[in-house]
Amino acid sequence: MAPFGKLAFIPGRIVHSNEILVLLGDDYFVERTCKQSIEIVNRRLENIKEKIEKHRKEKEVFNQQKKYTSEFLNDRKNMFEIKENDDDTGVKQEEKKTIKSTY
């Protein structure tokens, strides 16, 4: 009798009990031994841990930027904006006159 899930047994025998199908990606599978499969899983776990740490650092940087921005917006109450009219038409006409007079 061979196990077929948690609750069922079917007549049969287990052959090559040390082989596991491992997903390589894009629906490619290979048969590996248990030891090789454990090494693959450990490499994948290390890769995931590195990515988690990288994202944690990025999150910390974004939180610092958010804190700085909110502090700046809170301090903005004591600031005022200077607005000046940018009317350069008179200056441009004078420049044209000087250019014409030089030629």
C-alpha atoms as a PDB file:
ATOM      1  CA  MET A   1       0.000   0.000   0.000  1.00  0.00           C
ATOM      2  CA  ALA A   2       1.296   3.435  -0.933  1.00  0.00           C
ATOM      3  CA  PRO A   3       0.116   6.682   0.666  1.00  0.00           C
ATOM      4  CA  PHE A   4      -2.045   8.892  -1.538  1.00  0.00           C
ATOM      5  CA  GLY A   5      -2.623  12.062   0.471  1.00  0.00           C
ATOM      6  CA  LYS A   6      -3.284  12.249   4.206  1.00  0.00           C
ATOM      7  CA  LEU A   7      -6.240   9.896   4.376  1.00  0.00           C
ATOM      8  CA  ALA A   8      -5.918   7.494   1.480  1.00  0.00           C
ATOM      9  CA  PHE A   9      -3.805   4.500   0.608  1.00  0.00           C
ATOM     10  CA  ILE A  10      -3.762   2.806  -2.772  1.00  0.00           C
ATOM     11  CA  PRO A  11      -2.183  -0.443  -3.837  1.00  0.00           C
ATOM     12  CA  GLY A  12       1.303   0.173  -5.137  1.00  0.00           C
ATOM     13  CA  ARG A  13       4.927   0.562  -4.187  1.00  0.00           C
ATOM     14  CA  ILE A  14       7.251   3.521  -3.852  1.00  0.00           C
ATOM     15  CA  VAL A  15      10.134   3.589  -6.333  1.00  0.00           C
ATOM     16  CA  HIS A  16      13.006   6.107  -6.179  1.00  0.00           C
ATOM     17  CA  SER A  17      11.913   7.573  -2.859  1.00  0.00           C
ATOM     18  CA  ASN A  18      14.954   9.870  -2.754  1.00  0.00           C
ATOM     19  CA  GLU A  19      14.001  11.829  -5.903  1.00  0.00           C
ATOM     20  CA  ILE A  20      12.049  15.083  -5.854  1.00  0.00           C
ATOM     21  CA  LEU A  21      10.766  17.215  -8.721  1.00  0.00           C
ATOM     22  CA  VAL A  22      12.152  20.748  -8.409  1.00  0.00           C
ATOM     23  CA  LEU A  23      10.701  23.730 -10.295  1.00  0.00           C
ATOM     24  CA  LEU A  24      13.409  25.650 -12.149  1.00  0.00           C
ATOM     25  CA  GLY A  25      11.024  28.223 -13.607  1.00  0.00           C
ATOM     26  CA  ASP A  26       8.843  28.615 -16.700  1.00  0.00           C
ATOM     27  CA  ASP A  27       7.309  25.191 -16.065  1.00  0.00           C
ATOM     28  CA  TYR A  28      10.682  23.411 -16.214  1.00  0.00           C
ATOM     29  CA  PHE A  29      11.110  20.665 -13.638  1.00  0.00           C
ATOM     30  CA  VAL A  30      14.092  18.445 -12.872  1.00  0.00           C
ATOM     31  CA  GLU A  31      14.498  15.428 -10.662  1.00  0.00           C
ATOM     32  CA  ARG A  32      16.947  16.026  -7.827  1.00  0.00           C
ATOM     33  CA  THR A  33      17.956  14.104  -4.756  1.00  0.00           C
ATOM     34  CA  CYS A  34      16.778  15.257  -1.347  1.00  0.00           C
ATOM     35  CA  LYS A  35      20.203  16.713  -0.552  1.00  0.00           C
ATOM     36  CA  GLN A  36      20.345  18.683  -3.814  1.00  0.00           C
ATOM     37  CA  SER A  37      16.772  19.880  -3.272  1.00  0.00           C
ATOM     38  CA  ILE A  38      17.611  21.128   0.218  1.00  0.00           C
ATOM     39  CA  GLU A  39      20.582  23.078  -1.197  1.00  0.00           C
ATOM     40  CA  ILE A  40      18.327  24.670  -3.836  1.00  0.00           C
ATOM     41  CA  VAL A  41      15.762  25.627  -1.187  1.00  0.00           C
ATOM     42  CA  ASN A  42      18.475  27.123   1.049  1.00  0.00           C
ATOM     43  CA  ARG A  43      19.834  29.230  -1.843  1.00  0.00           C
ATOM     44  CA  ARG A  44      16.341  30.479  -2.625  1.00  0.00           C
ATOM     45  CA  LEU A  45      15.738  31.321   1.038  1.00  0.00           C
ATOM     46  CA  GLU A  46      18.995  33.311   1.212  1.00  0.00           C
ATOM     47  CA  ASN A  47      18.017  35.196  -1.936  1.00  0.00           C
ATOM     48  CA  ILE A  48      14.609  36.025  -0.448  1.00  0.00           C
ATOM     49  CA  LYS A  49      16.187  37.173   2.834  1.00  0.00           C
ATOM     50  CA  GLU A  50      18.530  39.506   0.913  1.00  0.00           C
ATOM     51  CA  LYS A  51      15.581  40.976  -0.995  1.00  0.00           C
ATOM     52  CA  ILE A  52      13.603  41.464   2.225  1.00  0.00           C
ATOM     53  CA  GLU A  53      16.557  43.281   3.819  1.00  0.00           C
ATOM     54  CA  LYS A  54      16.972  45.465   0.720  1.00  0.00           C
ATOM     55  CA  HIS A  55      13.280  46.405   0.789  1.00  0.00           C
ATOM     56  CA  ARG A  56      13.446  47.062   4.526  1.00  0.00           C
ATOM     57  CA  LYS A  57      16.288  49.554   3.951  1.00  0.00           C
ATOM     58  CA  GLU A  58      14.365  51.228   1.118  1.00  0.00           C
ATOM     59  CA  LYS A  59      11.321  51.502   3.372  1.00  0.00           C
ATOM     60  CA  GLU A  60      13.460  53.148   6.052  1.00  0.00           C
ATOM     61  CA  VAL A  61      14.774  55.701   3.538  1.00  0.00           C
ATOM     62  CA  PHE A  62      11.237  56.488   2.362  1.00  0.00           C
ATOM     63  CA  ASN A  63      10.054  56.882   5.952  1.00  0.00           C
ATOM     64  CA  GLN A  64      12.899  59.333   6.634  1.00  0.00           C
ATOM     65  CA  GLN A  65      11.976  61.327   3.524  1.00  0.00           C
ATOM     66  CA  LYS A  66       8.333  61.313   4.587  1.00  0.00           C
ATOM     67  CA  LYS A  67       9.286  62.544   8.053  1.00  0.00           C
ATOM     68  CA  TYR A  68      11.443  65.333   6.590  1.00  0.00           C
ATOM     69  CA  THR A  69       8.669  66.385   4.224  1.00  0.00           C
ATOM     70  CA  SER A  70       6.055  66.475   6.976  1.00  0.00           C
ATOM     71  CA  GLU A  71       8.403  68.527   9.188  1.00  0.00           C
ATOM     72  CA  PHE A  72       8.979  70.945   6.323  1.00  0.00           C
ATOM     73  CA  LEU A  73       5.245  71.323   5.729  1.00  0.00           C
ATOM     74  CA  ASN A  74       4.643  71.915   9.437  1.00  0.00           C
ATOM     75  CA  ASP A  75       7.367  74.589   9.534  1.00  0.00           C
ATOM     76  CA  ARG A  76       5.864  76.246   6.476  1.00  0.00           C
ATOM     77  CA  LYS A  77       3.337  78.052   8.673  1.00  0.00           C
ATOM     78  CA  ASN A  78       6.077  80.496   9.703  1.00  0.00           C
ATOM     79  CA  MET A  79       7.169  81.109   6.104  1.00  0.00           C
ATOM     80  CA  PHE A  80       5.766  83.345   3.411  1.00  0.00           C
ATOM     81  CA  GLU A  81       6.171  83.318  -0.318  1.00  0.00           C
ATOM     82  CA  ILE A  82       7.590  86.245  -2.254  1.00  0.00           C
ATOM     83  CA  LYS A  83       5.880  86.825  -5.583  1.00  0.00           C
ATOM     84  CA  GLU A  84       7.214  89.298  -8.114  1.00  0.00           C
ATOM     85  CA  ASN A  85       5.796  90.206 -11.474  1.00  0.00           C
ATOM     86  CA  ASP A  86       8.179  89.173 -14.206  1.00  0.00           C
ATOM     87  CA  ASP A  87       7.528  91.895 -16.746  1.00  0.00           C
ATOM     88  CA  ASP A  88      10.617  92.129 -18.953  1.00  0.00           C
ATOM     89  CA  THR A  89       8.944  93.671 -22.000  1.00  0.00           C
ATOM     90  CA  GLY A  90      10.463  97.105 -21.346  1.00  0.00           C
ATOM     91  CA  VAL A  91      13.935  95.646 -20.950  1.00  0.00           C
ATOM     92  CA  LYS A  92      13.656  93.668 -24.186  1.00  0.00           C
ATOM     93  CA  GLN A  93      12.604  96.747 -26.154  1.00  0.00           C
ATOM     94  CA  GLU A  94      15.607  98.669 -24.832  1.00  0.00           C
ATOM     95  CA  GLU A  95      17.902  95.789 -25.830  1.00  0.00           C
ATOM     96  CA  LYS A  96      16.451  95.823 -29.350  1.00  0.00           C
ATOM     97  CA  LYS A  97      17.080  99.569 -29.629  1.00  0.00           C
ATOM     98  CA  THR A  98      20.709  99.204 -28.567  1.00  0.00           C
ATOM     99  CA  ILE A  99      21.248  96.343 -31.003  1.00  0.00           C
ATOM    100  CA  LYS A 100      19.763  98.361 -33.886  1.00  0.00           C
ATOM    101  CA  SER A 101      21.861 101.405 -33.017  1.00  0.00           C
ATOM    102  CA  THR A 102      25.103  99.397 -33.037  1.00  0.00           C
ATOM    103  CA  TYR A 103      24.526  98.155 -36.598  1.00  0.00           C
END
